[in-house]
């Protein structure tokens, strides 16, 4: 019973910490610089880790995709010299953190003196727990917790840490403060096209569901997991509602208030993406302007549709199951050379230099996720006005 109570308290702590990390709407509405928002998030992570989850020695590192380097975002309780470490996303040569970032697999080190990968973070460290910061299918950093006790971390600790790390990654995404971007964003999160929030929230639901299956018979603990699952599910639903109801948030204005656009009105447009929320949101933006919208859930479906139907514009994600955005691009041009194509990508993902090749063959534009409504509309209008 005592062990069950400890697990319940930890789960309650994760719920409180997660809510505090992602409850940032009021803060992003103020005129804060990127550095100020970053400092705000650092303070919240330290508070949640130390005061709520009892992580006394905590480090958060994020991936700078330009250099593949792990940059320290938060360091609490560690030696000052760790800021001089040069760690990279690599299975070897960059310690446990670099390996976790490269593989996406969490690591419990029961005795750091017996792991040759360990690089000193805490002066008298005896054990460590390192988990990835996962944003849907992308590893954006790592979280490292160390202790001066041997065998300080269990499998349950790993599961809890992974859920907390998902919240950290989600908070980073909300504020657009990943090391690879480091740019100032002066608008509300609701004004940004944060279409990728659904994926990380889904990861939280999945992790909590898996944890629930491990504790059949512990009804109180399972009920607390249900609360976490319900809250994350509700958040996903709210994001979808924003994409479908243009009266607030992402879309800003109601459909009946949007006038017909002479450039967009009557144009037949295909949106291809394996994320449902992206298909729904892009369609929700363009339909009020008089566009005739079709959607495809993967690359092969998109290729079939462009081959059988005539489209004025195709908006396709680069990374999709069964066929890439570049495959959709070439299929669309083969079917109708007048069709304009816009490719979407997140985190600069561009396999085989697809954008470079497509640009040489007549690609109209590239949209980097997350994007804003105005960016989407401007690129669509520009593409449709091309001769």
Protein backbone atom coordinates (compact mmCIF):
# COMPACT_ATOMS: atom_id res chain seq x y z
CA UNK A 1 0.00 0.00 0.00
CA UNK A 2 2.87 2.38 0.84
CA UNK A 3 4.43 1.76 -2.60
CA UNK A 4 1.09 2.44 -4.28
CA UNK A 5 0.76 5.73 -2.39
CA UNK A 6 4.22 6.80 -3.55
CA UNK A 7 3.29 6.06 -7.18
CA UNK A 8 0.06 8.00 -6.78
CA UNK A 9 1.89 11.02 -5.39
CA UNK A 10 4.39 10.91 -8.27
CA UNK A 11 1.58 10.72 -10.80
CA UNK A 12 -0.20 13.65 -9.15
CA UNK A 13 3.09 15.56 -9.26
CA UNK A 14 3.50 14.90 -12.98
CA UNK A 15 -0.04 16.13 -13.60
CA UNK A 16 0.67 19.37 -11.74
CA UNK A 17 4.06 19.84 -13.39
CA UNK A 18 2.69 19.20 -16.87
CA UNK A 19 -0.18 21.62 -16.39
CA UNK A 20 2.19 24.33 -15.17
CA UNK A 21 4.61 23.87 -18.05
CA UNK A 22 2.04 24.11 -20.84
CA UNK A 23 -0.17 26.77 -19.23
CA UNK A 24 1.63 29.55 -21.06
CA UNK A 25 -1.10 31.37 -22.97
CA UNK A 26 -1.13 34.45 -20.73
CA UNK A 27 2.63 34.75 -20.85
CA UNK A 28 2.92 34.51 -24.62
CA UNK A 29 0.32 37.25 -25.03
CA UNK A 30 2.66 39.75 -23.40
CA UNK A 31 5.38 41.58 -25.25
CA UNK A 32 8.22 39.29 -24.20
CA UNK A 33 11.44 38.80 -26.08
CA UNK A 34 12.65 35.31 -27.00
CA UNK A 35 15.24 35.50 -24.20
CA UNK A 36 12.60 36.49 -21.64
CA UNK A 37 10.29 33.66 -22.66
CA UNK A 38 13.20 31.22 -22.54
CA UNK A 39 14.08 32.37 -19.01
CA UNK A 40 10.43 31.95 -17.99
CA UNK A 41 10.40 28.38 -19.24
CA UNK A 42 13.74 27.61 -17.57
CA UNK A 43 12.35 28.82 -14.23
CA UNK A 44 9.23 26.70 -14.61
CA UNK A 45 11.17 23.57 -15.53
CA UNK A 46 13.46 24.01 -12.52
CA UNK A 47 10.49 24.63 -10.22
CA UNK A 48 8.55 21.63 -11.51
CA UNK A 49 11.56 19.35 -11.45
CA UNK A 50 12.81 20.36 -8.02
CA UNK A 51 9.75 21.33 -5.98
CA UNK A 52 7.14 19.05 -7.54
CA UNK A 53 9.04 16.00 -8.82
CA UNK A 54 12.00 16.17 -6.40
CA UNK A 55 14.63 16.21 -9.17
CA UNK A 56 17.48 17.88 -7.29
CA UNK A 57 20.04 17.54 -10.06
CA UNK A 58 18.42 18.16 -13.44
CA UNK A 59 19.72 19.13 -16.88
CA UNK A 60 17.75 19.78 -20.07
CA UNK A 61 19.58 19.84 -23.40
CA UNK A 62 18.08 20.64 -26.78
CA UNK A 63 19.34 19.75 -30.24
CA UNK A 64 20.68 22.51 -32.45
CA UNK A 65 19.98 21.03 -35.87
CA UNK A 66 22.46 23.32 -37.59
CA UNK A 67 25.37 21.76 -35.69
CA UNK A 68 23.80 18.54 -34.31
CA UNK A 69 25.03 19.75 -30.93
CA UNK A 70 23.25 19.36 -27.59
CA UNK A 71 22.88 22.81 -26.04
CA UNK A 72 22.21 23.24 -22.32
CA UNK A 73 18.85 24.86 -21.70
CA UNK A 74 18.53 24.11 -17.98
CA UNK A 75 21.17 23.07 -15.44
CA UNK A 76 20.23 22.67 -11.80
CA UNK A 77 22.59 21.18 -9.20
CA UNK A 78 25.36 20.26 -11.66
CA UNK A 79 29.00 21.28 -11.87
CA UNK A 80 29.58 24.64 -13.59
CA UNK A 81 32.02 23.05 -16.02
CA UNK A 82 29.28 21.12 -17.80
CA UNK A 83 28.48 24.28 -19.78
CA UNK A 84 31.87 23.80 -21.47
CA UNK A 85 31.07 20.28 -22.64
CA UNK A 86 30.61 19.76 -26.37
CA UNK A 87 28.09 16.97 -26.70
CA UNK A 88 26.54 15.91 -29.97
CA UNK A 89 23.73 13.65 -31.12
CA UNK A 90 25.85 10.54 -31.47
CA UNK A 91 25.67 6.95 -30.27
CA UNK A 92 29.34 7.09 -29.28
CA UNK A 93 31.69 9.78 -28.07
CA UNK A 94 29.15 12.16 -26.51
CA UNK A 95 28.25 10.38 -23.31
CA UNK A 96 24.95 8.90 -22.28
CA UNK A 97 23.06 12.05 -23.30
CA UNK A 98 24.39 11.96 -26.85
CA UNK A 99 23.50 8.28 -27.13
CA UNK A 100 19.93 8.83 -25.86
CA UNK A 101 19.47 11.72 -28.29
CA UNK A 102 20.73 9.55 -31.17
CA UNK A 103 18.76 6.40 -30.38
CA UNK A 104 15.65 7.79 -28.68
CA UNK A 105 16.04 5.10 -25.99
CA UNK A 106 15.99 6.06 -22.30
CA UNK A 107 18.89 4.97 -20.10
CA UNK A 108 19.03 4.09 -16.40
CA UNK A 109 22.62 3.97 -15.15
CA UNK A 110 22.58 2.24 -11.75
CA UNK A 111 26.27 2.89 -11.11
CA UNK A 112 27.94 5.63 -13.14
CA UNK A 113 31.41 4.38 -12.22
CA UNK A 114 30.77 1.24 -14.25
CA UNK A 115 29.49 2.96 -17.41
CA UNK A 116 32.35 4.23 -19.61
CA UNK A 117 29.94 6.55 -21.42
CA UNK A 118 29.24 8.59 -18.28
CA UNK A 119 30.57 12.15 -18.30
CA UNK A 120 30.68 13.92 -14.94
CA UNK A 121 27.71 16.17 -14.32
CA UNK A 122 27.21 15.90 -10.58
CA UNK A 123 30.46 15.81 -8.61
CA UNK A 124 29.48 12.90 -6.37
CA UNK A 125 27.05 11.20 -8.75
CA UNK A 126 26.43 7.50 -8.31
CA UNK A 127 23.45 6.88 -10.63
CA UNK A 128 21.61 8.67 -13.44
CA UNK A 129 18.42 8.63 -15.50
CA UNK A 130 18.39 10.05 -19.03
CA UNK A 131 15.29 10.26 -21.24
CA UNK A 132 14.64 11.83 -24.66
CA UNK A 133 12.58 14.95 -25.22
CA UNK A 134 10.24 13.59 -27.84
CA UNK A 135 8.05 15.79 -30.02
CA UNK A 136 5.90 13.21 -31.81
CA UNK A 137 8.40 11.29 -33.99
CA UNK A 138 11.25 13.76 -33.49
CA UNK A 139 13.90 13.77 -30.74
CA UNK A 140 14.45 17.43 -29.87
CA UNK A 141 16.67 16.98 -26.82
CA UNK A 142 17.28 15.02 -23.63
CA UNK A 143 16.56 15.30 -19.92
CA UNK A 144 19.18 14.05 -17.47
CA UNK A 145 18.60 13.47 -13.74
CA UNK A 146 21.43 12.37 -11.41
CA UNK A 147 21.64 11.18 -7.82
CA UNK A 148 24.37 10.66 -5.23
CA UNK A 149 22.83 7.27 -4.40
CA UNK A 150 23.38 3.97 -6.15
CA UNK A 151 20.35 2.46 -7.91
CA UNK A 152 18.32 5.62 -7.30
CA UNK A 153 16.07 5.16 -10.35
CA UNK A 154 13.57 2.41 -11.16
CA UNK A 155 11.62 1.51 -14.28
CA UNK A 156 8.66 3.40 -12.84
CA UNK A 157 10.89 6.48 -12.49
CA UNK A 158 11.82 6.10 -16.15
CA UNK A 159 8.18 6.01 -17.22
CA UNK A 160 7.31 9.05 -15.12
CA UNK A 161 10.35 10.94 -16.42
CA UNK A 162 9.39 10.18 -20.02
CA UNK A 163 5.91 11.62 -19.49
CA UNK A 164 7.38 14.76 -17.87
CA UNK A 165 9.91 15.05 -20.71
CA UNK A 166 7.04 14.95 -23.21
CA UNK A 167 5.51 17.93 -21.42
CA UNK A 168 8.86 19.75 -21.56
CA UNK A 169 9.13 19.13 -25.31
CA UNK A 170 5.56 20.31 -25.78
CA UNK A 171 6.23 23.50 -23.81
CA UNK A 172 9.32 24.16 -25.93
CA UNK A 173 7.28 23.73 -29.08
CA UNK A 174 4.55 26.05 -27.84
CA UNK A 175 7.04 28.83 -27.25
CA UNK A 176 9.04 28.16 -30.43
CA UNK A 177 12.22 28.10 -28.36
CA UNK A 178 14.03 25.10 -29.78
CA UNK A 179 17.74 25.76 -30.11
CA UNK A 180 17.56 25.39 -33.88
CA UNK A 181 15.25 28.37 -34.17
CA UNK A 182 16.10 30.89 -31.41
CA UNK A 183 13.83 33.51 -32.90
CA UNK A 184 11.51 36.04 -31.39
CA UNK A 185 7.79 35.41 -31.68
CA UNK A 186 5.62 38.30 -30.54
CA UNK A 187 2.21 36.85 -31.28
CA UNK A 188 0.08 34.52 -29.23
CA UNK A 189 0.48 30.79 -29.63
CA UNK A 190 -3.14 30.77 -30.76
CA UNK A 191 -2.14 33.04 -33.65
CA UNK A 192 0.51 30.57 -34.79
CA UNK A 193 -0.31 27.51 -36.78
CA UNK A 194 0.69 25.03 -34.04
CA UNK A 195 -0.65 22.07 -35.94
CA UNK A 196 1.96 19.72 -34.50
CA UNK A 197 0.74 19.94 -30.91
CA UNK A 198 -1.61 17.03 -31.49
CA UNK A 199 1.26 14.59 -31.97
CA UNK A 200 3.11 15.27 -28.69
CA UNK A 201 -0.15 15.20 -26.75
CA UNK A 202 -0.84 11.84 -28.34
CA UNK A 203 2.53 10.62 -27.08
CA UNK A 204 1.55 11.62 -23.54
CA UNK A 205 -1.71 9.69 -23.89
CA UNK A 206 0.16 6.65 -25.21
CA UNK A 207 2.75 6.70 -22.41
CA UNK A 208 0.07 7.02 -19.73
CA UNK A 209 -2.00 4.24 -21.32
CA UNK A 210 1.00 1.89 -21.36
CA UNK A 211 1.73 2.73 -17.73
CA UNK A 212 -1.89 2.01 -16.85
CA UNK A 213 -1.63 -1.50 -18.30
CA UNK A 214 1.30 -2.20 -15.95
CA UNK A 215 -0.83 -1.58 -12.85
CA UNK A 216 -3.94 -3.69 -13.29
CA UNK A 217 -5.56 -4.08 -9.90
CA UNK A 218 -4.30 -0.75 -8.50
CA UNK A 219 -7.55 1.10 -9.05
CA UNK A 220 -6.56 4.42 -7.44
CA UNK A 221 -3.41 4.67 -9.52
CA UNK A 222 -5.25 3.73 -12.71
CA UNK A 223 -7.87 6.39 -11.97
CA UNK A 224 -5.14 9.04 -11.73
CA UNK A 225 -3.72 7.85 -15.03
CA UNK A 226 -7.20 8.15 -16.50
CA UNK A 227 -7.27 11.79 -15.37
CA UNK A 228 -3.96 12.47 -17.14
CA UNK A 229 -5.22 10.70 -20.29
CA UNK A 230 -8.50 12.63 -20.23
CA UNK A 231 -6.74 15.99 -19.89
CA UNK A 232 -4.33 15.31 -22.73
CA UNK A 233 -7.18 13.97 -24.89
CA UNK A 234 -9.24 17.07 -24.11
CA UNK A 235 -6.33 19.27 -25.17
CA UNK A 236 -6.04 17.41 -28.48
CA UNK A 237 -9.77 17.85 -29.03
CA UNK A 238 -9.51 21.57 -28.27
CA UNK A 239 -6.77 21.96 -30.87
CA UNK A 240 -8.93 20.18 -33.45
CA UNK A 241 -11.84 22.46 -32.55
CA UNK A 242 -9.64 25.47 -33.20
CA UNK A 243 -8.91 24.13 -36.65
CA UNK A 244 -12.59 23.51 -37.36
CA UNK A 245 -14.16 26.59 -35.74
CA UNK A 246 -12.66 29.77 -37.19
CA UNK A 247 -14.35 31.96 -34.58
CA UNK A 248 -11.30 32.10 -32.30
CA UNK A 249 -7.74 30.97 -31.73
CA UNK A 250 -5.84 29.81 -34.79
CA UNK A 251 -8.26 30.94 -37.44
CA UNK A 252 -9.23 34.26 -35.93
CA UNK A 253 -12.48 35.04 -37.76
CA UNK A 254 -15.69 33.26 -38.57
CA UNK A 255 -16.20 31.86 -42.09
CA UNK A 256 -19.19 34.06 -42.80
CA UNK A 257 -17.04 37.13 -42.12
CA UNK A 258 -14.48 36.19 -44.77
CA UNK A 259 -15.12 37.66 -48.20
CA UNK A 260 -14.68 35.68 -51.38
CA UNK A 261 -11.19 36.05 -52.70
CA UNK A 262 -10.92 36.49 -56.48
CA UNK A 263 -7.63 34.58 -56.55
CA UNK A 264 -8.75 31.68 -54.34
CA UNK A 265 -12.46 31.45 -55.12
CA UNK A 266 -13.39 28.41 -57.19
CA UNK A 267 -9.88 26.94 -57.12
CA UNK A 268 -9.66 23.21 -56.55
CA UNK A 269 -6.99 22.41 -53.98
CA UNK A 270 -5.66 19.10 -52.62
CA UNK A 271 -4.11 18.92 -49.14
CA UNK A 272 -1.95 15.82 -48.57
CA UNK A 273 -0.65 15.04 -45.09
CA UNK A 274 -0.72 11.99 -42.83
CA UNK A 275 -1.68 14.20 -39.85
CA UNK A 276 -5.44 14.63 -39.74
CA UNK A 277 -5.27 17.91 -37.86
CA UNK A 278 -3.12 19.47 -40.59
CA UNK A 279 -5.53 18.37 -43.30
CA UNK A 280 -8.47 19.72 -41.32
CA UNK A 281 -6.82 23.00 -40.42
CA UNK A 282 -5.56 23.90 -43.89
CA UNK A 283 -8.96 23.02 -45.36
CA UNK A 284 -10.64 25.09 -42.64
CA UNK A 285 -8.58 28.13 -43.60
CA UNK A 286 -9.10 27.91 -47.37
CA UNK A 287 -12.74 26.81 -47.68
CA UNK A 288 -14.20 30.13 -46.43
CA UNK A 289 -12.37 31.88 -49.27
CA UNK A 290 -14.31 29.85 -51.83
CA UNK A 291 -11.78 27.06 -52.41
CA UNK A 292 -12.95 23.55 -53.31
CA UNK A 293 -10.97 21.29 -50.98
CA UNK A 294 -9.94 17.63 -51.22
CA UNK A 295 -7.67 15.78 -48.78
CA UNK A 296 -5.32 12.80 -48.96
CA UNK A 297 -4.07 10.89 -45.91
CA UNK A 298 -0.84 9.53 -47.44
CA UNK A 299 1.42 9.86 -50.45
CA UNK A 300 -0.02 7.04 -52.54
CA UNK A 301 -3.58 8.35 -52.15
CA UNK A 302 -2.40 11.82 -53.16
CA UNK A 303 -0.69 10.43 -56.26
CA UNK A 304 -3.88 8.63 -57.30
CA UNK A 305 -5.95 11.76 -56.80
CA UNK A 306 -3.69 14.08 -58.80
CA UNK A 307 -3.66 11.51 -61.60
CA UNK A 308 -7.44 11.26 -61.79
CA UNK A 309 -8.57 14.79 -60.91
CA UNK A 310 -7.53 18.23 -62.12
CA UNK A 311 -6.20 20.48 -59.35
CA UNK A 312 -5.19 24.13 -59.46
CA UNK A 313 -3.00 23.73 -56.39
CA UNK A 314 -1.56 20.82 -54.36
CA UNK A 315 -0.29 21.39 -50.81
CA UNK A 316 1.68 18.34 -49.68
CA UNK A 317 3.80 17.36 -46.70
CA UNK A 318 7.24 16.06 -47.64
CA UNK A 319 7.32 13.13 -45.22
CA UNK A 320 4.35 10.76 -45.67
CA UNK A 321 3.75 7.01 -45.72
CA UNK A 322 3.92 5.14 -49.06
CA UNK A 323 5.14 8.11 -51.11
CA UNK A 324 6.97 11.36 -50.39
CA UNK A 325 5.87 14.89 -51.11
CA UNK A 326 8.37 14.96 -53.95
CA UNK A 327 6.65 11.92 -55.47
CA UNK A 328 3.32 13.75 -55.22
CA UNK A 329 4.92 16.83 -56.81
CA UNK A 330 6.22 14.90 -59.84
CA UNK A 331 2.92 13.02 -60.22
CA UNK A 332 0.96 16.29 -60.16
CA UNK A 333 3.13 17.88 -62.86
CA UNK A 334 2.99 14.74 -64.98
CA UNK A 335 -0.81 14.79 -64.86
CA UNK A 336 -1.15 18.54 -65.45
CA UNK A 337 1.82 20.84 -65.97
CA UNK A 338 -0.32 23.84 -64.95
CA UNK A 339 -0.86 22.51 -61.41
CA UNK A 340 0.96 24.51 -58.76
CA UNK A 341 2.55 22.69 -55.80
CA UNK A 342 3.52 23.84 -52.31
CA UNK A 343 5.52 21.46 -50.10
CA UNK A 344 5.28 21.52 -46.29
CA UNK A 345 8.04 20.42 -43.94
CA UNK A 346 8.79 20.49 -40.20
CA UNK A 347 12.20 20.96 -38.57
CA UNK A 348 13.80 21.47 -41.99
CA UNK A 349 13.17 17.80 -42.86
CA UNK A 350 14.17 17.33 -46.51
CA UNK A 351 15.11 13.77 -47.48
CA UNK A 352 17.30 13.44 -50.55
CA UNK A 353 17.19 17.25 -51.03
CA UNK A 354 13.62 17.04 -52.31
CA UNK A 355 13.05 20.79 -52.05
CA UNK A 356 16.19 21.57 -54.05
CA UNK A 357 15.17 19.17 -56.80
CA UNK A 358 11.56 20.36 -56.81
CA UNK A 359 12.64 24.00 -56.95
CA UNK A 360 14.60 23.23 -60.09
CA UNK A 361 11.48 21.67 -61.61
CA UNK A 362 8.98 24.41 -60.83
CA UNK A 363 7.97 24.13 -57.18
CA UNK A 364 5.89 27.15 -56.19
CA UNK A 365 6.77 27.45 -52.50
CA UNK A 366 7.80 25.74 -49.25
CA UNK A 367 5.90 26.12 -45.96
CA UNK A 368 7.83 25.49 -42.74
CA UNK A 369 5.73 24.12 -39.90
CA UNK A 370 4.41 25.62 -37.73
CA UNK A 371 3.17 28.41 -39.99
CA UNK A 372 0.61 31.18 -39.65
CA UNK A 373 -2.63 31.67 -41.50
CA UNK A 374 -1.29 34.71 -43.32
CA UNK A 375 1.75 32.76 -44.52
CA UNK A 376 -0.46 30.00 -45.87
CA UNK A 377 -2.79 32.43 -47.66
CA UNK A 378 0.06 34.50 -49.08
CA UNK A 379 1.85 31.48 -50.52
CA UNK A 380 -1.38 30.05 -51.98
CA UNK A 381 -2.24 33.35 -53.65
CA UNK A 382 1.31 33.76 -54.95
CA UNK A 383 1.36 30.22 -56.38
CA UNK A 384 -2.01 30.61 -58.08
CA UNK A 385 -0.93 33.92 -59.65
CA UNK A 386 2.14 32.35 -61.27
CA UNK A 387 2.11 32.14 -65.02
